[in-house]
N, C-alpha and C. Protein backbone atom coordinates (compact mmCIF):
# COMPACT_ATOMS: atom_id res chain seq x y z
N UNK A 1 -33.63 96.44 200.00
CA UNK A 1 -32.58 97.43 199.93
C UNK A 1 -33.02 98.59 199.07
N UNK A 2 -32.37 99.70 199.29
CA UNK A 2 -32.64 100.90 198.52
C UNK A 2 -32.09 100.77 197.10
N UNK A 3 -32.61 101.57 196.23
CA UNK A 3 -32.09 101.72 194.87
C UNK A 3 -32.02 100.41 194.09
N UNK A 4 -32.91 99.46 194.40
CA UNK A 4 -32.95 98.22 193.65
C UNK A 4 -31.82 97.25 193.93
N UNK A 5 -30.99 97.55 194.92
CA UNK A 5 -29.89 96.64 195.27
C UNK A 5 -30.47 95.39 195.92
N UNK A 6 -29.83 94.25 195.74
CA UNK A 6 -30.35 93.01 196.33
C UNK A 6 -30.30 93.04 197.86
N UNK A 7 -31.20 92.30 198.46
CA UNK A 7 -31.19 92.16 199.92
C UNK A 7 -29.90 91.49 200.36
N UNK A 8 -29.34 91.97 201.47
CA UNK A 8 -28.10 91.41 201.99
C UNK A 8 -28.32 90.80 203.37
N UNK A 9 -27.46 89.86 203.71
CA UNK A 9 -27.50 89.16 204.98
C UNK A 9 -26.06 89.00 205.46
N UNK A 10 -25.84 89.16 206.76
CA UNK A 10 -24.52 88.91 207.33
C UNK A 10 -24.66 87.83 208.38
N UNK A 11 -23.78 86.85 208.32
CA UNK A 11 -23.78 85.79 209.33
C UNK A 11 -22.47 85.82 210.10
N UNK A 12 -22.56 85.68 211.42
CA UNK A 12 -21.39 85.59 212.28
C UNK A 12 -21.10 84.13 212.56
N UNK A 13 -19.85 83.83 212.88
CA UNK A 13 -19.46 82.44 213.01
C UNK A 13 -18.53 82.20 214.19
N UNK A 14 -18.45 80.92 214.57
CA UNK A 14 -17.53 80.54 215.63
C UNK A 14 -16.10 80.38 215.12
N UNK A 15 -15.88 80.60 213.83
CA UNK A 15 -14.51 80.60 213.30
C UNK A 15 -13.93 82.01 213.25
N UNK A 16 -14.58 82.95 213.97
CA UNK A 16 -14.13 84.33 214.15
C UNK A 16 -14.39 85.22 212.93
N UNK A 17 -15.15 84.74 211.96
CA UNK A 17 -15.40 85.50 210.74
C UNK A 17 -16.88 85.81 210.58
N UNK A 18 -17.16 86.65 209.59
CA UNK A 18 -18.54 86.92 209.16
C UNK A 18 -18.58 86.75 207.65
N UNK A 19 -19.74 86.40 207.16
CA UNK A 19 -19.94 86.30 205.72
C UNK A 19 -21.07 87.22 205.31
N UNK A 20 -20.87 87.92 204.20
CA UNK A 20 -21.91 88.76 203.61
C UNK A 20 -22.52 87.97 202.46
N UNK A 21 -23.84 87.89 202.48
CA UNK A 21 -24.58 87.12 201.48
C UNK A 21 -25.55 88.02 200.73
N UNK A 22 -25.83 87.68 199.50
CA UNK A 22 -26.94 88.23 198.73
C UNK A 22 -27.74 87.04 198.24
N UNK A 23 -28.67 86.52 199.07
CA UNK A 23 -29.33 85.25 198.78
C UNK A 23 -30.08 85.19 197.45
N UNK A 24 -30.62 86.30 197.00
CA UNK A 24 -31.35 86.29 195.73
C UNK A 24 -30.41 86.22 194.53
N UNK A 25 -29.13 86.54 194.75
CA UNK A 25 -28.16 86.59 193.66
C UNK A 25 -27.35 85.29 193.57
N UNK A 26 -26.94 84.77 194.72
CA UNK A 26 -26.05 83.61 194.71
C UNK A 26 -26.21 82.81 196.01
N UNK A 27 -25.93 81.52 195.91
CA UNK A 27 -25.92 80.66 197.09
C UNK A 27 -24.56 80.68 197.77
N UNK A 28 -23.62 81.40 197.21
CA UNK A 28 -22.28 81.50 197.76
C UNK A 28 -22.10 82.88 198.39
N UNK A 29 -21.31 82.98 199.45
CA UNK A 29 -21.12 84.29 200.09
C UNK A 29 -20.44 85.28 199.14
N UNK A 30 -20.84 86.53 199.27
CA UNK A 30 -20.25 87.60 198.47
C UNK A 30 -18.90 88.01 199.03
N UNK A 31 -18.76 87.97 200.35
CA UNK A 31 -17.51 88.41 200.98
C UNK A 31 -17.34 87.72 202.32
N UNK A 32 -16.08 87.56 202.70
CA UNK A 32 -15.70 87.06 204.02
C UNK A 32 -15.07 88.23 204.76
N UNK A 33 -15.56 88.52 205.96
CA UNK A 33 -15.09 89.66 206.74
C UNK A 33 -14.36 89.12 207.96
N UNK A 34 -13.11 89.50 208.12
CA UNK A 34 -12.29 88.98 209.21
C UNK A 34 -11.79 90.11 210.10
N UNK A 35 -11.42 89.77 211.32
CA UNK A 35 -10.87 90.77 212.22
C UNK A 35 -11.07 90.43 213.69
N UNK A 36 -12.07 89.63 214.00
CA UNK A 36 -12.28 89.24 215.39
C UNK A 36 -11.30 88.13 215.78
N UNK A 37 -11.01 88.05 217.07
CA UNK A 37 -10.05 87.08 217.58
C UNK A 37 -10.73 85.91 218.30
N UNK A 38 -12.05 86.00 218.46
CA UNK A 38 -12.83 84.91 219.06
C UNK A 38 -14.19 84.86 218.37
N UNK A 39 -15.03 83.95 218.83
CA UNK A 39 -16.35 83.71 218.25
C UNK A 39 -17.14 85.01 218.06
N UNK A 40 -17.74 85.17 216.89
CA UNK A 40 -18.62 86.32 216.63
C UNK A 40 -20.02 85.92 217.09
N UNK A 41 -20.57 86.69 218.05
CA UNK A 41 -21.85 86.29 218.62
C UNK A 41 -23.00 87.24 218.29
N UNK A 42 -22.72 88.31 217.55
CA UNK A 42 -23.80 89.24 217.21
C UNK A 42 -23.41 90.05 215.98
N UNK A 43 -24.31 90.13 215.01
CA UNK A 43 -24.12 91.03 213.86
C UNK A 43 -25.42 91.78 213.64
N UNK A 44 -25.29 93.02 213.17
CA UNK A 44 -26.47 93.86 213.04
C UNK A 44 -26.25 94.90 211.95
N UNK A 45 -27.21 95.04 211.04
CA UNK A 45 -27.19 96.09 210.02
C UNK A 45 -27.83 97.35 210.58
N UNK A 46 -27.31 98.51 210.20
CA UNK A 46 -28.02 99.75 210.47
C UNK A 46 -29.26 99.77 209.59
N UNK A 47 -30.29 100.52 209.97
CA UNK A 47 -31.52 100.53 209.17
C UNK A 47 -31.33 100.93 207.71
N UNK A 48 -30.34 101.78 207.43
CA UNK A 48 -30.11 102.20 206.05
C UNK A 48 -29.16 101.28 205.29
N UNK A 49 -28.64 100.24 205.95
CA UNK A 49 -27.74 99.30 205.30
C UNK A 49 -26.31 99.80 205.13
N UNK A 50 -26.03 101.00 205.60
CA UNK A 50 -24.70 101.59 205.43
C UNK A 50 -23.67 100.95 206.35
N UNK A 51 -24.08 100.49 207.53
CA UNK A 51 -23.15 99.97 208.54
C UNK A 51 -23.53 98.57 208.96
N UNK A 52 -22.51 97.80 209.31
CA UNK A 52 -22.70 96.50 209.95
C UNK A 52 -21.89 96.54 211.23
N UNK A 53 -22.51 96.17 212.34
CA UNK A 53 -21.80 96.09 213.61
C UNK A 53 -21.67 94.61 213.98
N UNK A 54 -20.53 94.24 214.53
CA UNK A 54 -20.32 92.87 214.97
C UNK A 54 -19.74 92.88 216.37
N UNK A 55 -20.16 91.91 217.16
CA UNK A 55 -19.65 91.77 218.52
C UNK A 55 -19.08 90.36 218.66
N UNK A 56 -18.07 90.27 219.53
CA UNK A 56 -17.37 89.00 219.68
C UNK A 56 -17.00 88.77 221.14
N UNK A 57 -16.72 87.51 221.47
CA UNK A 57 -16.22 87.19 222.80
C UNK A 57 -14.78 87.65 222.99
N UNK A 58 -14.18 88.28 221.97
CA UNK A 58 -12.86 88.88 222.16
C UNK A 58 -12.96 90.26 222.82
N UNK A 59 -14.15 90.59 223.30
CA UNK A 59 -14.44 91.84 224.01
C UNK A 59 -14.40 93.05 223.09
N UNK A 60 -14.74 92.86 221.83
CA UNK A 60 -14.75 93.99 220.92
C UNK A 60 -16.05 94.07 220.15
N UNK A 61 -16.37 95.28 219.78
CA UNK A 61 -17.43 95.57 218.84
C UNK A 61 -16.76 96.23 217.66
N UNK A 62 -17.00 95.72 216.49
CA UNK A 62 -16.38 96.28 215.29
C UNK A 62 -17.46 96.86 214.40
N UNK A 63 -17.13 97.95 213.76
CA UNK A 63 -18.04 98.62 212.85
C UNK A 63 -17.46 98.51 211.45
N UNK A 64 -18.31 98.12 210.50
CA UNK A 64 -17.91 97.88 209.11
C UNK A 64 -18.77 98.73 208.20
N UNK A 65 -18.21 99.14 207.08
CA UNK A 65 -19.00 99.78 206.05
C UNK A 65 -19.80 98.67 205.37
N UNK A 66 -21.12 98.79 205.37
CA UNK A 66 -21.98 97.75 204.82
C UNK A 66 -21.95 97.65 203.31
N UNK A 67 -21.42 98.65 202.65
CA UNK A 67 -21.33 98.64 201.19
C UNK A 67 -19.96 98.11 200.74
N UNK A 68 -18.89 98.69 201.28
CA UNK A 68 -17.54 98.31 200.87
C UNK A 68 -17.00 97.12 201.66
N UNK A 69 -17.63 96.81 202.80
CA UNK A 69 -17.24 95.73 203.71
C UNK A 69 -15.92 96.02 204.39
N UNK A 70 -15.50 97.26 204.41
CA UNK A 70 -14.24 97.65 205.06
C UNK A 70 -14.47 97.94 206.54
N UNK A 71 -13.50 97.53 207.35
CA UNK A 71 -13.52 97.76 208.78
C UNK A 71 -13.37 99.25 209.06
N UNK A 72 -14.13 99.78 210.05
CA UNK A 72 -14.05 101.19 210.38
C UNK A 72 -13.30 101.37 211.71
N UNK A 73 -13.95 101.38 212.89
CA UNK A 73 -13.19 101.42 214.15
C UNK A 73 -13.44 100.16 214.99
N UNK A 74 -12.67 100.01 216.06
CA UNK A 74 -12.90 98.92 217.01
C UNK A 74 -13.01 99.48 218.40
N UNK A 75 -13.83 98.87 219.19
CA UNK A 75 -14.00 99.25 220.59
C UNK A 75 -13.54 98.07 221.42
N UNK A 76 -12.64 98.30 222.36
CA UNK A 76 -12.13 97.22 223.19
C UNK A 76 -12.59 97.42 224.63
N UNK A 77 -12.92 96.32 225.27
CA UNK A 77 -13.26 96.39 226.69
C UNK A 77 -12.00 96.75 227.48
N UNK A 78 -12.16 97.55 228.49
CA UNK A 78 -11.03 98.01 229.26
C UNK A 78 -10.59 97.04 230.35
N UNK A 79 -11.48 96.20 230.81
CA UNK A 79 -11.17 95.35 231.96
C UNK A 79 -10.91 93.92 231.51
N UNK A 80 -9.67 93.49 231.62
CA UNK A 80 -9.33 92.14 231.23
C UNK A 80 -9.78 91.10 232.25
N UNK A 81 -10.26 91.54 233.41
CA UNK A 81 -10.72 90.59 234.42
C UNK A 81 -12.12 90.09 234.14
N UNK A 82 -12.74 90.62 233.13
CA UNK A 82 -14.10 90.22 232.78
C UNK A 82 -14.12 89.73 231.34
N UNK A 83 -15.07 88.86 231.07
CA UNK A 83 -15.32 88.49 229.69
C UNK A 83 -16.72 88.98 229.36
N UNK A 84 -16.96 89.27 228.13
CA UNK A 84 -18.27 89.77 227.78
C UNK A 84 -18.44 89.94 226.30
N UNK A 85 -19.57 90.46 225.94
CA UNK A 85 -19.84 90.73 224.54
C UNK A 85 -20.46 92.11 224.43
N UNK A 86 -20.37 92.68 223.29
CA UNK A 86 -20.90 94.02 223.09
C UNK A 86 -22.01 94.01 222.06
N UNK A 87 -22.86 94.98 222.17
CA UNK A 87 -23.93 95.18 221.21
C UNK A 87 -23.92 96.64 220.80
N UNK A 88 -24.32 96.91 219.60
CA UNK A 88 -24.42 98.28 219.15
C UNK A 88 -25.79 98.45 218.51
N UNK A 89 -26.38 99.59 218.73
CA UNK A 89 -27.69 99.90 218.15
C UNK A 89 -27.54 101.11 217.24
N UNK A 90 -28.50 101.27 216.37
CA UNK A 90 -28.51 102.40 215.45
C UNK A 90 -29.83 103.12 215.58
N UNK A 91 -29.82 104.46 215.43
CA UNK A 91 -31.09 105.17 215.36
C UNK A 91 -31.65 105.03 213.95
N UNK A 92 -32.82 105.58 213.70
CA UNK A 92 -33.46 105.40 212.40
C UNK A 92 -32.74 106.14 211.27
N UNK A 93 -31.79 106.99 211.60
CA UNK A 93 -30.97 107.66 210.57
C UNK A 93 -29.74 106.82 210.21
N UNK A 94 -29.50 105.74 210.95
CA UNK A 94 -28.34 104.89 210.69
C UNK A 94 -27.12 105.25 211.49
N UNK A 95 -27.27 106.15 212.46
CA UNK A 95 -26.15 106.58 213.28
C UNK A 95 -26.00 105.65 214.48
N UNK A 96 -24.78 105.15 214.75
CA UNK A 96 -24.59 104.33 215.96
C UNK A 96 -24.86 105.17 217.20
N UNK A 97 -25.69 104.65 218.11
CA UNK A 97 -26.05 105.44 219.28
C UNK A 97 -25.77 104.75 220.61
N UNK A 98 -25.50 103.46 220.61
CA UNK A 98 -25.35 102.78 221.89
C UNK A 98 -24.34 101.66 221.78
N UNK A 99 -23.42 101.64 222.69
CA UNK A 99 -22.50 100.53 222.84
C UNK A 99 -22.76 99.94 224.21
N UNK A 100 -23.13 98.68 224.27
CA UNK A 100 -23.49 98.04 225.53
C UNK A 100 -22.65 96.79 225.70
N UNK A 101 -21.92 96.73 226.78
CA UNK A 101 -21.11 95.55 227.06
C UNK A 101 -21.79 94.74 228.15
N UNK A 102 -22.04 93.47 227.88
CA UNK A 102 -22.59 92.57 228.88
C UNK A 102 -21.41 91.87 229.54
N UNK A 103 -21.30 92.02 230.83
CA UNK A 103 -20.15 91.48 231.53
C UNK A 103 -20.53 90.22 232.31
N UNK A 104 -19.65 89.27 232.28
CA UNK A 104 -19.81 88.04 233.05
C UNK A 104 -18.53 87.89 233.86
N UNK A 105 -18.63 87.92 235.16
CA UNK A 105 -17.45 87.83 236.01
C UNK A 105 -16.84 86.44 235.92
N UNK A 106 -15.52 86.37 235.96
CA UNK A 106 -14.82 85.07 235.91
C UNK A 106 -14.97 84.33 237.21
């Protein structure tokens, strides 16, 4: 991490939550992040550590502030006839650039 801050890790879970960890500091999670309505299947830090993106089988991608752990916006799939998951990518400046929904027909 920049500025001497400890390395961080985010884990997604089948209990619809994510945990933020600082493994070098503690064996216990630093924060529990909630908001998804189904299993979290993807989490990703932006290269600068400012953002965390999470995707879930609830058809949403959520964006979080990686420092404050506060929820920013949510993206919802428009078609309820499909189930899927979303992914978000960041450019090297840390800006979200791609939202990709993988669809699986019922």
